[in-house]
Amino acid sequence: MKRVMFVCKKNSARSQMAEGFAKTLGKGKIAVTSSGLEASQVRPEAIATMNAIGIDITNQYSKPLSDFKPDDFDVVISLCGCGASLPGEWVVREVFEDWQLDDPAEQPEIFPRVRDQVKERVVMLIQSLEQLEQ
């Protein structure tokens, strides 16, 4: 089972939504967590936007990347273009992608659009990881 880390600047919205989708859609297929270059709080808009489609992320919380070891993950996904800011050992995992999605924290009205983009990419990620396993 591939171990996936979603990382963002503050682990408050995009990476939290990705974790929620991956835990739901990748259940039994991948192990997932998320973190931020710095920890903060999960945004209420992220929780509400996910609740609107039936995924509950209220128990998720923001965690600093420094709490984790790169060797514990096969896949690292940056959601904010922060790949360049990650310590080098994080970008050399088996799979590294930098999705560069808009930050809904700056414009709360785009939360649903960003959520749907995150879902689409998580679905593609799970499919590609299943193919790697074969």
C-alpha atoms as a PDB file:
ATOM      1  CA  MET A   1       0.000   0.000   0.000  1.00  0.00           C
ATOM      2  CA  LYS A   2       1.465   3.353  -1.070  1.00  0.00           C
ATOM      3  CA  ARG A   3       1.916   5.979   1.652  1.00  0.00           C
ATOM      4  CA  VAL A   4       0.865   9.456   0.514  1.00  0.00           C
ATOM      5  CA  MET A   5       1.689  12.879   2.000  1.00  0.00           C
ATOM      6  CA  PHE A   6      -0.289  15.907   0.820  1.00  0.00           C
ATOM      7  CA  VAL A   7       1.542  19.091   1.738  1.00  0.00           C
ATOM      8  CA  CYS A   8       0.669  22.775   1.486  1.00  0.00           C
ATOM      9  CA  LYS A   9       1.763  26.020   3.078  1.00  0.00           C
ATOM     10  CA  LYS A  10      -0.479  25.929   6.146  1.00  0.00           C
ATOM     11  CA  ASN A  11      -2.328  22.575   5.895  1.00  0.00           C
ATOM     12  CA  SER A  12      -5.605  24.452   6.302  1.00  0.00           C
ATOM     13  CA  ALA A  13      -7.627  23.911   3.098  1.00  0.00           C
ATOM     14  CA  ARG A  14      -6.296  22.263  -0.100  1.00  0.00           C
ATOM     15  CA  SER A  15      -4.192  19.582   1.579  1.00  0.00           C
ATOM     16  CA  GLN A  16      -6.987  18.900   4.079  1.00  0.00           C
ATOM     17  CA  MET A  17      -9.529  18.428   1.270  1.00  0.00           C
ATOM     18  CA  ALA A  18      -7.069  16.156  -0.558  1.00  0.00           C
ATOM     19  CA  GLU A  19      -6.599  14.082   2.597  1.00  0.00           C
ATOM     20  CA  GLY A  20     -10.376  13.783   2.985  1.00  0.00           C
ATOM     21  CA  PHE A  21     -10.876  12.687  -0.625  1.00  0.00           C
ATOM     22  CA  ALA A  22      -7.948  10.258  -0.549  1.00  0.00           C
ATOM     23  CA  LYS A  23      -9.093   8.640   2.695  1.00  0.00           C
ATOM     24  CA  THR A  24     -12.604   8.221   1.266  1.00  0.00           C
ATOM     25  CA  LEU A  25     -11.846   7.311  -2.362  1.00  0.00           C
ATOM     26  CA  GLY A  26      -8.591   5.453  -1.674  1.00  0.00           C
ATOM     27  CA  LYS A  27      -9.756   3.510   1.378  1.00  0.00           C
ATOM     28  CA  GLY A  28      -7.892   0.209   1.510  1.00  0.00           C
ATOM     29  CA  LYS A  29      -5.692   1.268  -1.427  1.00  0.00           C
ATOM     30  CA  ILE A  30      -3.450   4.003  -0.012  1.00  0.00           C
ATOM     31  CA  ALA A  31      -2.408   5.329   3.406  1.00  0.00           C
ATOM     32  CA  VAL A  32      -2.795   9.102   3.625  1.00  0.00           C
ATOM     33  CA  THR A  33      -1.881  12.082   5.751  1.00  0.00           C
ATOM     34  CA  SER A  34      -1.381  15.794   5.155  1.00  0.00           C
ATOM     35  CA  SER A  35       0.805  18.525   6.585  1.00  0.00           C
ATOM     36  CA  GLY A  36       1.936  22.091   6.052  1.00  0.00           C
ATOM     37  CA  LEU A  37       5.225  23.930   5.865  1.00  0.00           C
ATOM     38  CA  GLU A  38       3.762  25.460   9.024  1.00  0.00           C
ATOM     39  CA  ALA A  39       0.767  24.268  11.012  1.00  0.00           C
ATOM     40  CA  SER A  40      -2.365  26.388  11.405  1.00  0.00           C
ATOM     41  CA  GLN A  41      -6.075  25.538  11.668  1.00  0.00           C
ATOM     42  CA  VAL A  42      -8.374  23.684   9.268  1.00  0.00           C
ATOM     43  CA  ARG A  43     -10.488  26.379   7.657  1.00  0.00           C
ATOM     44  CA  PRO A  44     -14.225  26.187   8.430  1.00  0.00           C
ATOM     45  CA  GLU A  45     -14.909  26.778   4.711  1.00  0.00           C
ATOM     46  CA  ALA A  46     -12.919  23.621   3.859  1.00  0.00           C
ATOM     47  CA  ILE A  47     -14.964  21.609   6.354  1.00  0.00           C
ATOM     48  CA  ALA A  48     -18.256  23.067   5.054  1.00  0.00           C
ATOM     49  CA  THR A  49     -17.322  22.582   1.389  1.00  0.00           C
ATOM     50  CA  MET A  50     -16.461  18.923   1.995  1.00  0.00           C
ATOM     51  CA  ASN A  51     -19.580  18.371   4.146  1.00  0.00           C
ATOM     52  CA  ALA A  52     -21.641  19.672   1.205  1.00  0.00           C
ATOM     53  CA  ILE A  53     -20.622  16.565  -0.761  1.00  0.00           C
ATOM     54  CA  GLY A  54     -20.847  14.129   2.136  1.00  0.00           C
ATOM     55  CA  ILE A  55     -17.213  13.936   3.281  1.00  0.00           C
ATOM     56  CA  ASP A  56     -16.591  14.784   6.931  1.00  0.00           C
ATOM     57  CA  ILE A  57     -13.136  16.210   7.696  1.00  0.00           C
ATOM     58  CA  THR A  58     -14.018  17.723  11.079  1.00  0.00           C
ATOM     59  CA  ASN A  59     -11.627  15.318  12.856  1.00  0.00           C
ATOM     60  CA  GLN A  60      -8.656  16.315  10.702  1.00  0.00           C
ATOM     61  CA  TYR A  61      -6.194  18.835  12.089  1.00  0.00           C
ATOM     62  CA  SER A  62      -3.266  20.856  10.798  1.00  0.00           C
ATOM     63  CA  LYS A  63       0.177  19.274  11.272  1.00  0.00           C
ATOM     64  CA  PRO A  64       3.670  20.636  10.508  1.00  0.00           C
ATOM     65  CA  LEU A  65       5.724  18.747   7.913  1.00  0.00           C
ATOM     66  CA  SER A  66       8.575  18.713  10.449  1.00  0.00           C
ATOM     67  CA  ASP A  67       6.574  16.120  12.469  1.00  0.00           C
ATOM     68  CA  PHE A  68       7.161  13.553   9.698  1.00  0.00           C
ATOM     69  CA  LYS A  69      10.073  11.711   8.061  1.00  0.00           C
ATOM     70  CA  PRO A  70      10.339  11.651   4.242  1.00  0.00           C
ATOM     71  CA  ASP A  71      11.340   7.967   4.273  1.00  0.00           C
ATOM     72  CA  ASP A  72       7.899   7.103   5.665  1.00  0.00           C
ATOM     73  CA  PHE A  73       6.220   8.151   2.383  1.00  0.00           C
ATOM     74  CA  ASP A  74       6.251   6.859  -1.198  1.00  0.00           C
ATOM     75  CA  VAL A  75       4.275   9.745  -2.673  1.00  0.00           C
ATOM     76  CA  VAL A  76       4.486  13.477  -1.912  1.00  0.00           C
ATOM     77  CA  ILE A  77       1.973  15.876  -3.437  1.00  0.00           C
ATOM     78  CA  SER A  78       2.320  19.636  -3.052  1.00  0.00           C
ATOM     79  CA  LEU A  79      -0.967  21.443  -3.631  1.00  0.00           C
ATOM     80  CA  CYS A  80       0.197  25.036  -3.613  1.00  0.00           C
ATOM     81  CA  GLY A  81       3.305  25.238  -5.728  1.00  0.00           C
ATOM     82  CA  CYS A  82       5.368  24.999  -2.542  1.00  0.00           C
ATOM     83  CA  GLY A  83       7.471  22.157  -3.937  1.00  0.00           C
ATOM     84  CA  ALA A  84      10.404  24.540  -4.308  1.00  0.00           C
ATOM     85  CA  SER A  85      10.143  25.309  -0.573  1.00  0.00           C
ATOM     86  CA  LEU A  86      10.189  21.673   0.539  1.00  0.00           C
ATOM     87  CA  PRO A  87      13.360  20.176   1.959  1.00  0.00           C
ATOM     88  CA  GLY A  88      15.090  18.238  -0.837  1.00  0.00           C
ATOM     89  CA  GLU A  89      14.497  14.802   0.660  1.00  0.00           C
ATOM     90  CA  TRP A  90      10.722  15.306   0.232  1.00  0.00           C
ATOM     91  CA  VAL A  91      10.843  15.899  -3.533  1.00  0.00           C
ATOM     92  CA  VAL A  92      12.829  12.753  -4.344  1.00  0.00           C
ATOM     93  CA  ARG A  93      10.222  10.217  -3.214  1.00  0.00           C
ATOM     94  CA  GLU A  94       8.977   7.568  -5.664  1.00  0.00           C
ATOM     95  CA  VAL A  95       6.283   9.984  -6.877  1.00  0.00           C
ATOM     96  CA  PHE A  96       6.414  13.765  -6.431  1.00  0.00           C
ATOM     97  CA  GLU A  97       3.864  16.140  -7.972  1.00  0.00           C
ATOM     98  CA  ASP A  98       3.274  19.868  -7.528  1.00  0.00           C
ATOM     99  CA  TRP A  99      -0.376  20.577  -8.355  1.00  0.00           C
ATOM    100  CA  GLN A 100      -0.279  24.385  -7.914  1.00  0.00           C
ATOM    101  CA  LEU A 101      -3.958  24.926  -7.134  1.00  0.00           C
ATOM    102  CA  ASP A 102      -5.429  28.348  -6.322  1.00  0.00           C
ATOM    103  CA  ASP A 103      -5.595  29.190  -2.613  1.00  0.00           C
ATOM    104  CA  PRO A 104      -9.258  29.422  -1.577  1.00  0.00           C
ATOM    105  CA  ALA A 105      -8.263  31.034   1.729  1.00  0.00           C
ATOM    106  CA  GLU A 106      -7.654  34.233  -0.240  1.00  0.00           C
ATOM    107  CA  GLN A 107     -11.023  34.002  -2.054  1.00  0.00           C
ATOM    108  CA  PRO A 108     -13.505  31.843  -0.125  1.00  0.00           C
ATOM    109  CA  GLU A 109     -15.987  31.867  -3.022  1.00  0.00           C
ATOM    110  CA  ILE A 110     -13.685  29.534  -5.000  1.00  0.00           C
ATOM    111  CA  PHE A 111     -13.718  26.759  -2.358  1.00  0.00           C
ATOM    112  CA  PRO A 112     -16.180  24.578  -4.362  1.00  0.00           C
ATOM    113  CA  ARG A 113     -14.125  24.907  -7.579  1.00  0.00           C
ATOM    114  CA  VAL A 114     -10.845  24.116  -5.827  1.00  0.00           C
ATOM    115  CA  ARG A 115     -12.513  21.189  -4.003  1.00  0.00           C
ATOM    116  CA  ASP A 116     -13.644  19.738  -7.332  1.00  0.00           C
ATOM    117  CA  GLN A 117     -10.152  20.182  -8.828  1.00  0.00           C
ATOM    118  CA  VAL A 118      -8.641  18.440  -5.806  1.00  0.00           C
ATOM    119  CA  LYS A 119     -11.113  15.544  -6.187  1.00  0.00           C
ATOM    120  CA  GLU A 120     -10.319  15.144  -9.883  1.00  0.00           C
ATOM    121  CA  ARG A 121      -6.573  15.008  -9.201  1.00  0.00           C
ATOM    122  CA  VAL A 122      -6.919  12.658  -6.230  1.00  0.00           C
ATOM    123  CA  VAL A 123      -8.963  10.257  -8.399  1.00  0.00           C
ATOM    124  CA  MET A 124      -6.237  10.343 -11.090  1.00  0.00           C
ATOM    125  CA  LEU A 125      -3.521   9.874  -8.449  1.00  0.00           C
ATOM    126  CA  ILE A 126      -5.228   6.798  -6.972  1.00  0.00           C
ATOM    127  CA  GLN A 127      -5.641   5.312 -10.466  1.00  0.00           C
ATOM    128  CA  SER A 128      -1.979   5.942 -11.348  1.00  0.00           C
ATOM    129  CA  LEU A 129      -0.790   4.427  -8.046  1.00  0.00           C
ATOM    130  CA  GLU A 130      -2.935   1.323  -8.649  1.00  0.00           C
ATOM    131  CA  GLN A 131      -1.215   0.921 -12.034  1.00  0.00           C
ATOM    132  CA  LEU A 132       2.218   1.239 -10.370  1.00  0.00           C
ATOM    133  CA  GLU A 133       1.281  -1.606  -8.009  1.00  0.00           C
ATOM    134  CA  GLN A 134       0.496  -3.976 -10.912  1.00  0.00           C
END
